[in-house]
PDB file of all heavy atoms in Angstrom:
ATOM      1  N   SER A   1       6.881  21.366 -12.481  1.00  0.00           N
ATOM      2  CA  SER A   1       8.334  21.320 -12.476  1.00  0.00           C
ATOM      3  C   SER A   1       8.839  21.498 -11.055  1.00  0.00           C
ATOM      4  O   SER A   1       8.535  22.490 -10.398  1.00  0.00           O
ATOM      5  CB  SER A   1       8.890  22.425 -13.383  1.00  0.00           C
ATOM      6  OG  SER A   1      10.303  22.400 -13.405  1.00  0.00           O
ATOM      7  N   CYS A   2       9.617  20.520 -10.579  1.00  0.00           N
ATOM      8  CA  CYS A   2      10.084  20.541  -9.196  1.00  0.00           C
ATOM      9  C   CYS A   2      11.594  20.319  -9.151  1.00  0.00           C
ATOM     10  O   CYS A   2      12.233  20.064 -10.172  1.00  0.00           O
ATOM     11  CB  CYS A   2       9.376  19.466  -8.377  1.00  0.00           C
ATOM     12  SG  CYS A   2       9.685  17.781  -8.974  1.00  0.00           S
ATOM     13  N   PHE A   3      12.169  20.413  -7.949  1.00  0.00           N
ATOM     14  CA  PHE A   3      13.574  20.056  -7.786  1.00  0.00           C
ATOM     15  C   PHE A   3      13.739  19.218  -6.526  1.00  0.00           C
ATOM     16  O   PHE A   3      12.850  19.158  -5.674  1.00  0.00           O
ATOM     17  CB  PHE A   3      14.487  21.280  -7.790  1.00  0.00           C
ATOM     18  CG  PHE A   3      14.269  22.265  -6.679  1.00  0.00           C
ATOM     19  CD1 PHE A   3      15.019  22.210  -5.516  1.00  0.00           C
ATOM     20  CD2 PHE A   3      13.335  23.291  -6.804  1.00  0.00           C
ATOM     21  CE1 PHE A   3      14.841  23.130  -4.493  1.00  0.00           C
ATOM     22  CE2 PHE A   3      13.150  24.222  -5.798  1.00  0.00           C
ATOM     23  CZ  PHE A   3      13.901  24.142  -4.632  1.00  0.00           C
ATOM     24  N   TYR A   4      14.884  18.540  -6.423  1.00  0.00           N
ATOM     25  CA  TYR A   4      15.080  17.546  -5.382  1.00  0.00           C
ATOM     26  C   TYR A   4      16.560  17.491  -5.021  1.00  0.00           C
ATOM     27  O   TYR A   4      17.427  17.614  -5.891  1.00  0.00           O
ATOM     28  CB  TYR A   4      14.618  16.178  -5.897  1.00  0.00           C
ATOM     29  CG  TYR A   4      14.574  15.084  -4.856  1.00  0.00           C
ATOM     30  CD1 TYR A   4      13.473  14.920  -4.030  1.00  0.00           C
ATOM     31  CD2 TYR A   4      15.641  14.199  -4.704  1.00  0.00           C
ATOM     32  CE1 TYR A   4      13.428  13.913  -3.072  1.00  0.00           C
ATOM     33  CE2 TYR A   4      15.619  13.190  -3.754  1.00  0.00           C
ATOM     34  CZ  TYR A   4      14.501  13.054  -2.943  1.00  0.00           C
ATOM     35  OH  TYR A   4      14.459  12.059  -1.996  1.00  0.00           O
ATOM     36  N   HIS A   5      16.828  17.294  -3.719  1.00  0.00           N
ATOM     37  CA  HIS A   5      18.206  17.191  -3.257  1.00  0.00           C
ATOM     38  C   HIS A   5      18.606  15.727  -3.125  1.00  0.00           C
ATOM     39  O   HIS A   5      17.930  14.950  -2.441  1.00  0.00           O
ATOM     40  CB  HIS A   5      18.371  17.909  -1.911  1.00  0.00           C
ATOM     41  CG  HIS A   5      18.242  19.393  -2.012  1.00  0.00           C
ATOM     42  ND1 HIS A   5      17.044  20.049  -1.819  1.00  0.00           N
ATOM     43  CD2 HIS A   5      19.159  20.346  -2.324  1.00  0.00           C
ATOM     44  CE1 HIS A   5      17.234  21.351  -1.992  1.00  0.00           C
ATOM     45  NE2 HIS A   5      18.500  21.552  -2.297  1.00  0.00           N
ATOM     46  N   ALA A   6      19.717  15.372  -3.746  1.00  0.00           N
ATOM     47  CA  ALA A   6      20.143  13.969  -3.784  1.00  0.00           C
ATOM     48  C   ALA A   6      20.438  13.418  -2.396  1.00  0.00           C
ATOM     49  O   ALA A   6      20.276  12.216  -2.155  1.00  0.00           O
ATOM     50  CB  ALA A   6      21.378  13.830  -4.676  1.00  0.00           C
ATOM     51  N   TYR A   7      20.850  14.292  -1.460  1.00  0.00           N
ATOM     52  CA  TYR A   7      21.188  13.798  -0.118  1.00  0.00           C
ATOM     53  C   TYR A   7      19.970  13.299   0.656  1.00  0.00           C
ATOM     54  O   TYR A   7      20.106  12.688   1.713  1.00  0.00           O
ATOM     55  CB  TYR A   7      21.939  14.871   0.689  1.00  0.00           C
ATOM     56  CG  TYR A   7      21.216  16.176   0.865  1.00  0.00           C
ATOM     57  CD1 TYR A   7      20.130  16.320   1.721  1.00  0.00           C
ATOM     58  CD2 TYR A   7      21.650  17.308   0.173  1.00  0.00           C
ATOM     59  CE1 TYR A   7      19.489  17.528   1.880  1.00  0.00           C
ATOM     60  CE2 TYR A   7      21.010  18.523   0.325  1.00  0.00           C
ATOM     61  CZ  TYR A   7      19.933  18.625   1.181  1.00  0.00           C
ATOM     62  OH  TYR A   7      19.284  19.833   1.345  1.00  0.00           O
ATOM     63  N   LEU A   8      18.765  13.520   0.132  1.00  0.00           N
ATOM     64  CA  LEU A   8      17.558  13.008   0.786  1.00  0.00           C
ATOM     65  C   LEU A   8      17.337  11.521   0.496  1.00  0.00           C
ATOM     66  O   LEU A   8      16.427  10.911   1.062  1.00  0.00           O
ATOM     67  CB  LEU A   8      16.335  13.803   0.324  1.00  0.00           C
ATOM     68  CG  LEU A   8      16.266  15.255   0.766  1.00  0.00           C
ATOM     69  CD1 LEU A   8      15.071  15.952   0.116  1.00  0.00           C
ATOM     70  CD2 LEU A   8      16.176  15.363   2.286  1.00  0.00           C
ATOM     71  N   GLY A   9      18.143  10.936  -0.385  1.00  0.00           N
ATOM     72  CA  GLY A   9      17.939   9.546  -0.750  1.00  0.00           C
ATOM     73  C   GLY A   9      16.870   9.411  -1.834  1.00  0.00           C
ATOM     74  O   GLY A   9      16.447  10.396  -2.436  1.00  0.00           O
ATOM     75  N   THR A  10      16.408   8.206  -2.070  1.00  0.00           N
ATOM     76  CA  THR A  10      15.472   7.987  -3.173  1.00  0.00           C
ATOM     77  C   THR A  10      14.046   7.668  -2.735  1.00  0.00           C
ATOM     78  O   THR A  10      13.155   7.599  -3.584  1.00  0.00           O
ATOM     79  CB  THR A  10      15.970   6.848  -4.078  1.00  0.00           C
ATOM     80  OG1 THR A  10      16.139   5.661  -3.295  1.00  0.00           O
ATOM     81  CG2 THR A  10      17.290   7.221  -4.747  1.00  0.00           C
ATOM     82  N   ASP A  11      13.801   7.478  -1.453  1.00  0.00           N
ATOM     83  CA  ASP A  11      12.444   7.118  -1.026  1.00  0.00           C
ATOM     84  C   ASP A  11      11.441   8.222  -1.361  1.00  0.00           C
ATOM     85  O   ASP A  11      10.388   7.965  -1.961  1.00  0.00           O
ATOM     86  CB  ASP A  11      12.406   6.818   0.475  1.00  0.00           C
ATOM     87  CG  ASP A  11      13.064   5.485   0.821  1.00  0.00           C
ATOM     88  OD1 ASP A  11      13.298   4.691  -0.117  1.00  0.00           O
ATOM     89  OD2 ASP A  11      13.357   5.252   2.007  1.00  0.00           O
ATOM     90  N   HIS A  12      11.746   9.451  -0.976  1.00  0.00           N
ATOM     91  CA  HIS A  12      10.856  10.571  -1.299  1.00  0.00           C
ATOM     92  C   HIS A  12      10.777  10.778  -2.808  1.00  0.00           C
ATOM     93  O   HIS A  12       9.729  11.126  -3.351  1.00  0.00           O
ATOM     94  CB  HIS A  12      11.341  11.859  -0.633  1.00  0.00           C
ATOM     95  CG  HIS A  12      11.143  11.886   0.852  1.00  0.00           C
ATOM     96  ND1 HIS A  12       9.939  11.563   1.448  1.00  0.00           N
ATOM     97  CD2 HIS A  12      11.979  12.228   1.866  1.00  0.00           C
ATOM     98  CE1 HIS A  12      10.052  11.690   2.759  1.00  0.00           C
ATOM     99  NE2 HIS A  12      11.284  12.096   3.038  1.00  0.00           N
ATOM    100  N   LEU A  13      11.892  10.560  -3.479  1.00  0.00           N
ATOM    101  CA  LEU A  13      11.931  10.737  -4.923  1.00  0.00           C
ATOM    102  C   LEU A  13      10.983   9.753  -5.620  1.00  0.00           C
ATOM    103  O   LEU A  13      10.266  10.115  -6.556  1.00  0.00           O
ATOM    104  CB  LEU A  13      13.362  10.547  -5.428  1.00  0.00           C
ATOM    105  CG  LEU A  13      13.607  10.738  -6.919  1.00  0.00           C
ATOM    106  CD1 LEU A  13      13.274  12.166  -7.348  1.00  0.00           C
ATOM    107  CD2 LEU A  13      15.064  10.403  -7.269  1.00  0.00           C
ATOM    108  N   LYS A  14      10.975   8.521  -5.146  1.00  0.00           N
ATOM    109  CA  LYS A  14      10.083   7.516  -5.718  1.00  0.00           C
ATOM    110  C   LYS A  14       8.623   7.916  -5.534  1.00  0.00           C
ATOM    111  O   LYS A  14       7.802   7.805  -6.464  1.00  0.00           O
ATOM    112  CB  LYS A  14      10.356   6.161  -5.087  1.00  0.00           C
ATOM    113  CG  LYS A  14      11.710   5.574  -5.449  1.00  0.00           C
ATOM    114  CD  LYS A  14      11.987   4.277  -4.687  1.00  0.00           C
ATOM    115  CE  LYS A  14      13.369   3.725  -5.028  1.00  0.00           C
ATOM    116  NZ  LYS A  14      13.686   2.501  -4.240  1.00  0.00           N
ATOM    117  N   ASP A  15       8.275   8.397  -4.336  1.00  0.00           N
ATOM    118  CA  ASP A  15       6.894   8.837  -4.087  1.00  0.00           C
ATOM    119  C   ASP A  15       6.526   9.995  -5.000  1.00  0.00           C
ATOM    120  O   ASP A  15       5.410  10.056  -5.544  1.00  0.00           O
ATOM    121  CB  ASP A  15       6.736   9.267  -2.622  1.00  0.00           C
ATOM    122  CG  ASP A  15       6.841   8.101  -1.650  1.00  0.00           C
ATOM    123  OD1 ASP A  15       6.682   6.948  -2.085  1.00  0.00           O
ATOM    124  OD2 ASP A  15       7.102   8.357  -0.453  1.00  0.00           O
ATOM    125  N   LEU A  16       7.462  10.901  -5.172  1.00  0.00           N
ATOM    126  CA  LEU A  16       7.216  12.099  -5.981  1.00  0.00           C
ATOM    127  C   LEU A  16       6.992  11.739  -7.451  1.00  0.00           C
ATOM    128  O   LEU A  16       5.990  12.141  -8.062  1.00  0.00           O
ATOM    129  CB  LEU A  16       8.403  13.042  -5.829  1.00  0.00           C
ATOM    130  CG  LEU A  16       8.386  14.350  -6.613  1.00  0.00           C
ATOM    131  CD1 LEU A  16       7.169  15.174  -6.249  1.00  0.00           C
ATOM    132  CD2 LEU A  16       9.667  15.138  -6.337  1.00  0.00           C
ATOM    133  N   VAL A  17       7.898  10.985  -8.024  1.00  0.00           N
ATOM    134  CA  VAL A  17       7.797  10.639  -9.438  1.00  0.00           C
ATOM    135  C   VAL A  17       6.552   9.807  -9.701  1.00  0.00           C
ATOM    136  O   VAL A  17       5.808  10.053 -10.663  1.00  0.00           O
ATOM    137  CB  VAL A  17       9.065   9.890  -9.896  1.00  0.00           C
ATOM    138  CG1 VAL A  17       8.874   9.291 -11.285  1.00  0.00           C
ATOM    139  CG2 VAL A  17      10.270  10.836  -9.885  1.00  0.00           C
ATOM    140  N   THR A  18       6.289   8.832  -8.843  1.00  0.00           N
ATOM    141  CA  THR A  18       5.125   7.976  -9.022  1.00  0.00           C
ATOM    142  C   THR A  18       3.832   8.778  -8.951  1.00  0.00           C
ATOM    143  O   THR A  18       2.914   8.599  -9.763  1.00  0.00           O
ATOM    144  CB  THR A  18       5.104   6.869  -7.945  1.00  0.00           C
ATOM    145  OG1 THR A  18       6.296   6.085  -8.052  1.00  0.00           O
ATOM    146  CG2 THR A  18       3.895   5.962  -8.124  1.00  0.00           C
ATOM    147  N   GLY A  19       3.752   9.688  -7.976  1.00  0.00           N
ATOM    148  CA  GLY A  19       2.542  10.487  -7.812  1.00  0.00           C
ATOM    149  C   GLY A  19       2.288  11.445  -8.953  1.00  0.00           C
ATOM    150  O   GLY A  19       1.144  11.621  -9.398  1.00  0.00           O
ATOM    151  N   VAL A  20       3.338  12.068  -9.463  1.00  0.00           N
ATOM    152  CA  VAL A  20       3.177  13.009 -10.578  1.00  0.00           C
ATOM    153  C   VAL A  20       2.792  12.260 -11.849  1.00  0.00           C
ATOM    154  O   VAL A  20       1.921  12.706 -12.612  1.00  0.00           O
ATOM    155  CB  VAL A  20       4.469  13.830 -10.776  1.00  0.00           C
ATOM    156  CG1 VAL A  20       4.398  14.657 -12.055  1.00  0.00           C
ATOM    157  CG2 VAL A  20       4.698  14.748  -9.576  1.00  0.00           C
ATOM    158  N   LYS A  21       3.402  11.115 -12.092  1.00  0.00           N
ATOM    159  CA  LYS A  21       3.031  10.318 -13.259  1.00  0.00           C
ATOM    160  C   LYS A  21       1.567   9.891 -13.199  1.00  0.00           C
ATOM    161  O   LYS A  21       0.862   9.871 -14.224  1.00  0.00           O
ATOM    162  CB  LYS A  21       3.922   9.078 -13.359  1.00  0.00           C
ATOM    163  CG  LYS A  21       5.293   9.318 -13.960  1.00  0.00           C
ATOM    164  CD  LYS A  21       6.014   7.985 -14.147  1.00  0.00           C
ATOM    165  CE  LYS A  21       7.320   8.142 -14.898  1.00  0.00           C
ATOM    166  NZ  LYS A  21       7.991   6.829 -15.101  1.00  0.00           N
ATOM    167  N   ALA A  22       1.097   9.550 -11.988  1.00  0.00           N
ATOM    168  CA  ALA A  22      -0.278   9.075 -11.825  1.00  0.00           C
ATOM    169  C   ALA A  22      -1.301  10.144 -12.191  1.00  0.00           C
ATOM    170  O   ALA A  22      -2.446   9.828 -12.516  1.00  0.00           O
ATOM    171  CB  ALA A  22      -0.502   8.602 -10.388  1.00  0.00           C
ATOM    172  N   LEU A  23      -0.894  11.410 -12.143  1.00  0.00           N
ATOM    173  CA  LEU A  23      -1.795  12.503 -12.518  1.00  0.00           C
ATOM    174  C   LEU A  23      -1.905  12.664 -14.031  1.00  0.00           C
ATOM    175  O   LEU A  23      -2.737  13.445 -14.507  1.00  0.00           O
ATOM    176  CB  LEU A  23      -1.300  13.818 -11.909  1.00  0.00           C
ATOM    177  CG  LEU A  23      -1.332  13.925 -10.385  1.00  0.00           C
ATOM    178  CD1 LEU A  23      -0.661  15.224  -9.935  1.00  0.00           C
ATOM    179  CD2 LEU A  23      -2.759  13.864  -9.861  1.00  0.00           C
ATOM    180  N   GLY A  24      -1.088  11.966 -14.775  1.00  0.00           N
ATOM    181  CA  GLY A  24      -1.128  12.063 -16.232  1.00  0.00           C
ATOM    182  C   GLY A  24      -0.018  12.892 -16.837  1.00  0.00           C
ATOM    183  O   GLY A  24      -0.011  13.136 -18.051  1.00  0.00           O
ATOM    184  N   TYR A  25       0.925  13.337 -16.014  1.00  0.00           N
ATOM    185  CA  TYR A  25       2.053  14.103 -16.533  1.00  0.00           C
ATOM    186  C   TYR A  25       3.073  13.172 -17.191  1.00  0.00           C
ATOM    187  O   TYR A  25       3.267  12.034 -16.758  1.00  0.00           O
ATOM    188  CB  TYR A  25       2.759  14.856 -15.405  1.00  0.00           C
ATOM    189  CG  TYR A  25       2.048  16.090 -14.916  1.00  0.00           C
ATOM    190  CD1 TYR A  25       1.185  16.030 -13.820  1.00  0.00           C
ATOM    191  CD2 TYR A  25       2.260  17.330 -15.515  1.00  0.00           C
ATOM    192  CE1 TYR A  25       0.541  17.166 -13.344  1.00  0.00           C
ATOM    193  CE2 TYR A  25       1.625  18.476 -15.045  1.00  0.00           C
ATOM    194  CZ  TYR A  25       0.768  18.390 -13.957  1.00  0.00           C
ATOM    195  OH  TYR A  25       0.146  19.509 -13.495  1.00  0.00           O
ATOM    196  N   SER A  26       3.752  13.703 -18.214  1.00  0.00           N
ATOM    197  CA  SER A  26       4.865  13.001 -18.851  1.00  0.00           C
ATOM    198  C   SER A  26       6.148  13.767 -18.559  1.00  0.00           C
ATOM    199  O   SER A  26       6.233  14.975 -18.834  1.00  0.00           O
ATOM    200  CB  SER A  26       4.659  12.914 -20.364  1.00  0.00           C
ATOM    201  OG  SER A  26       3.497  12.186 -20.673  1.00  0.00           O
ATOM    202  N   PHE A  27       7.138  13.093 -17.995  1.00  0.00           N
ATOM    203  CA  PHE A  27       8.399  13.753 -17.692  1.00  0.00           C
ATOM    204  C   PHE A  27       9.187  14.000 -18.982  1.00  0.00           C
ATOM    205  O   PHE A  27       9.302  13.119 -19.837  1.00  0.00           O
ATOM    206  CB  PHE A  27       9.232  12.913 -16.729  1.00  0.00           C
ATOM    207  CG  PHE A  27       8.840  13.098 -15.286  1.00  0.00           C
ATOM    208  CD1 PHE A  27       7.890  12.274 -14.703  1.00  0.00           C
ATOM    209  CD2 PHE A  27       9.401  14.111 -14.528  1.00  0.00           C
ATOM    210  CE1 PHE A  27       7.510  12.442 -13.383  1.00  0.00           C
ATOM    211  CE2 PHE A  27       9.038  14.289 -13.204  1.00  0.00           C
ATOM    212  CZ  PHE A  27       8.089  13.454 -12.620  1.00  0.00           C
ATOM    213  N   VAL A  28       9.712  15.211 -19.097  1.00  0.00           N
ATOM    214  CA  VAL A  28      10.491  15.607 -20.264  1.00  0.00           C
ATOM    215  C   VAL A  28      11.754  16.319 -19.797  1.00  0.00           C
ATOM    216  O   VAL A  28      11.888  16.704 -18.632  1.00  0.00           O
ATOM    217  CB  VAL A  28       9.689  16.527 -21.205  1.00  0.00           C
ATOM    218  CG1 VAL A  28       8.449  15.825 -21.733  1.00  0.00           C
ATOM    219  CG2 VAL A  28       9.305  17.830 -20.488  1.00  0.00           C
ATOM    220  N   SER A  29      12.677  16.518 -20.712  1.00  0.00           N
ATOM    221  CA  SER A  29      13.918  17.221 -20.396  1.00  0.00           C
ATOM    222  C   SER A  29      13.737  18.724 -20.523  1.00  0.00           C
ATOM    223  O   SER A  29      12.784  19.203 -21.154  1.00  0.00           O
ATOM    224  CB  SER A  29      15.026  16.764 -21.349  1.00  0.00           C
ATOM    225  OG  SER A  29      14.729  17.190 -22.670  1.00  0.00           O
ATOM    226  N   ALA A  30      14.668  19.451 -19.963  1.00  0.00           N
ATOM    227  CA  ALA A  30      14.653  20.908 -20.121  1.00  0.00           C
ATOM    228  C   ALA A  30      14.786  21.293 -21.590  1.00  0.00           C
ATOM    229  O   ALA A  30      14.141  22.246 -22.061  1.00  0.00           O
ATOM    230  CB  ALA A  30      15.776  21.536 -19.297  1.00  0.00           C
ATOM    231  N   ASP A  31      15.606  20.548 -22.330  1.00  0.00           N
ATOM    232  CA  ASP A  31      15.770  20.844 -23.756  1.00  0.00           C
ATOM    233  C   ASP A  31      14.458  20.686 -24.517  1.00  0.00           C
ATOM    234  O   ASP A  31      14.168  21.454 -25.445  1.00  0.00           O
ATOM    235  CB  ASP A  31      16.829  19.925 -24.373  1.00  0.00           C
ATOM    236  CG  ASP A  31      18.246  20.399 -24.077  1.00  0.00           C
ATOM    237  OD1 ASP A  31      18.413  21.584 -23.738  1.00  0.00           O
ATOM    238  OD2 ASP A  31      19.181  19.584 -24.184  1.00  0.00           O
TER     239      ASP A  31
END
């Protein structure tokens, strides 16, 4: 579980989401 600042843009966000998914994690909501 991580957090991200929107003012950083989406390039780092894309790397982050892609890399975590590649490990076999499934993104879910807090609920």
